[in-house]
Amino acid sequence: MILKSIAKVATESLKKPFTLEFPEHVENLADNYRGIHKLDMNTCINCQACARICPNQTIVMVEADSPTAFHADNKPKLFPEIDLERCLFCALCEEVCPTDCLVLTKSTELEAYDRRDLVKRPEQLE
């Protein structure tokens, strides 16, 4: 009985691992694939429709660290900050945006070592 167990462990330890390496070439994605958001801060009109429509409350409006982030009367504009960990990638924010400044790209690089890295500030979405 013990010899069978030792033989099984030996054969399993000599097999190749099941994990795959990150591919150098990304496969062609479908036309309806939804990846990381992209924001054009110059055309954003601060309507906050994306934050209101989000079913998972992923989008929070925050002040951006940008020279173009102010209204004419020097009041700061609010831009979407997106928590990609909570995002459903439903694209409702993209559909409701009147100026099409918030779109979902086909970017597949969503990895992070820390959860806080998945919260994308407006400057990181450009």
Protein backbone atom coordinates (compact mmCIF):
# COMPACT_ATOMS: atom_id res chain seq x y z
CA MET A 1 0.00 0.00 0.00
CA ILE A 2 2.75 2.42 0.93
CA LEU A 3 4.79 1.47 -2.15
CA LYS A 4 1.79 2.26 -4.38
CA SER A 5 1.49 5.70 -2.80
CA ILE A 6 5.20 6.41 -3.21
CA ALA A 7 5.08 5.26 -6.85
CA LYS A 8 2.06 7.48 -7.52
CA VAL A 9 3.77 10.53 -5.96
CA ALA A 10 6.93 9.85 -7.99
CA THR A 11 5.07 9.60 -11.31
CA GLU A 12 2.97 12.72 -10.61
CA SER A 13 6.00 14.77 -9.60
CA LEU A 14 7.75 14.00 -12.89
CA LYS A 15 4.86 15.24 -15.03
CA LYS A 16 4.82 18.72 -16.58
CA PRO A 17 2.91 21.39 -14.62
CA PHE A 18 -0.62 22.25 -15.74
CA THR A 19 -0.13 26.01 -15.63
CA LEU A 20 0.38 27.91 -18.86
CA GLU A 21 2.74 30.77 -19.57
CA PHE A 22 1.34 34.16 -20.45
CA PRO A 23 1.05 34.16 -24.23
CA GLU A 24 3.29 36.43 -26.24
CA HIS A 25 0.65 36.69 -28.93
CA VAL A 26 -2.90 37.51 -27.84
CA GLU A 27 -5.68 35.73 -29.67
CA ASN A 28 -8.04 37.67 -31.92
CA LEU A 29 -10.88 38.90 -29.76
CA ALA A 30 -14.53 39.00 -30.74
CA ASP A 31 -15.99 42.31 -31.89
CA ASN A 32 -18.17 42.51 -28.79
CA TYR A 33 -15.28 41.93 -26.33
CA ARG A 34 -15.15 44.47 -23.52
CA GLY A 35 -11.89 45.31 -21.78
CA ILE A 36 -10.45 48.18 -19.77
CA HIS A 37 -12.15 51.57 -20.01
CA LYS A 38 -10.65 54.53 -21.83
CA LEU A 39 -11.55 58.10 -20.91
CA ASP A 40 -11.11 61.26 -22.96
CA MET A 41 -10.93 63.94 -20.28
CA ASN A 42 -11.12 66.76 -22.84
CA THR A 43 -14.59 65.78 -24.06
CA CYS A 44 -16.03 64.71 -20.70
CA ILE A 45 -18.77 67.16 -19.69
CA ASN A 46 -19.03 66.02 -16.06
CA CYS A 47 -22.63 64.83 -16.45
CA GLN A 48 -22.08 61.89 -14.06
CA ALA A 49 -24.43 59.69 -16.09
CA CYS A 50 -21.89 56.85 -16.05
CA ALA A 51 -21.78 56.80 -12.25
CA ARG A 52 -25.57 56.88 -11.94
CA ILE A 53 -26.20 54.06 -14.46
CA CYS A 54 -23.55 51.66 -13.11
CA PRO A 55 -25.44 48.66 -11.63
CA ASN A 56 -22.53 47.66 -9.40
CA GLN A 57 -21.60 51.16 -8.20
CA THR A 58 -18.17 50.72 -9.72
CA ILE A 59 -17.79 54.30 -10.90
CA VAL A 60 -17.15 57.14 -8.46
CA MET A 61 -16.71 60.73 -9.59
CA VAL A 62 -13.45 62.28 -8.32
CA GLU A 63 -11.30 65.33 -8.96
CA ALA A 64 -8.47 64.70 -11.40
CA ASP A 65 -4.86 65.84 -11.15
CA SER A 66 -4.81 67.54 -14.52
CA PRO A 67 -4.58 71.15 -15.71
CA THR A 68 -7.65 70.64 -17.93
CA ALA A 69 -9.70 69.42 -14.96
CA PHE A 70 -11.23 72.78 -14.12
CA HIS A 71 -14.34 74.63 -15.27
CA ALA A 72 -14.10 78.18 -16.58
CA ASP A 73 -14.86 79.51 -13.08
CA ASN A 74 -11.92 77.50 -11.58
CA LYS A 75 -14.17 74.91 -9.95
CA PRO A 76 -12.73 71.40 -10.28
CA LYS A 77 -14.40 69.02 -12.71
CA LEU A 78 -15.26 65.52 -11.59
CA PHE A 79 -14.21 62.54 -13.67
CA PRO A 80 -14.97 58.82 -13.34
CA GLU A 81 -12.73 56.63 -11.21
CA ILE A 82 -13.39 52.97 -12.01
CA ASP A 83 -12.84 49.96 -9.77
CA LEU A 84 -12.07 47.20 -12.27
CA GLU A 85 -12.37 44.55 -9.58
CA ARG A 86 -16.07 45.30 -9.17
CA CYS A 87 -16.81 46.12 -12.82
CA LEU A 88 -19.17 43.79 -14.69
CA PHE A 89 -18.00 45.13 -18.07
CA CYS A 90 -21.66 45.53 -19.04
CA ALA A 91 -20.90 48.69 -21.09
CA LEU A 92 -23.87 50.63 -19.73
CA CYS A 93 -21.52 53.50 -18.90
CA GLU A 94 -20.37 53.57 -22.51
CA GLU A 95 -23.93 53.52 -23.85
CA VAL A 96 -25.18 56.34 -21.62
CA CYS A 97 -22.24 58.70 -22.21
CA PRO A 98 -23.55 61.60 -24.33
CA THR A 99 -20.12 62.65 -25.64
CA ASP A 100 -18.67 59.14 -26.08
CA CYS A 101 -15.72 60.07 -23.89
CA LEU A 102 -15.88 56.79 -21.95
CA VAL A 103 -15.42 53.65 -24.04
CA LEU A 104 -14.42 50.07 -23.35
CA THR A 105 -11.30 48.95 -25.19
CA LYS A 106 -10.13 45.47 -26.09
CA SER A 107 -7.23 45.60 -23.64
CA THR A 108 -6.89 42.30 -21.79
CA GLU A 109 -4.22 43.28 -19.26
CA LEU A 110 -6.19 43.30 -16.01
CA GLU A 111 -3.58 41.72 -13.74
CA ALA A 112 -2.42 43.39 -10.55
CA TYR A 113 -0.50 42.37 -7.45
CA ASP A 114 -2.61 44.52 -5.18
CA ARG A 115 -6.35 45.19 -5.28
CA ARG A 116 -5.74 48.91 -5.02
CA ASP A 117 -4.03 48.78 -8.42
CA LEU A 118 -7.36 47.81 -9.98
CA VAL A 119 -8.91 51.15 -9.02
CA LYS A 120 -8.14 53.34 -12.02
CA ARG A 121 -8.03 57.11 -11.59
CA PRO A 122 -9.14 59.33 -14.49
CA GLU A 123 -5.53 60.03 -15.47
CA GLN A 124 -4.86 56.28 -15.75
CA LEU A 125 -7.82 55.76 -18.08
CA GLU A 126 -6.44 58.02 -20.82
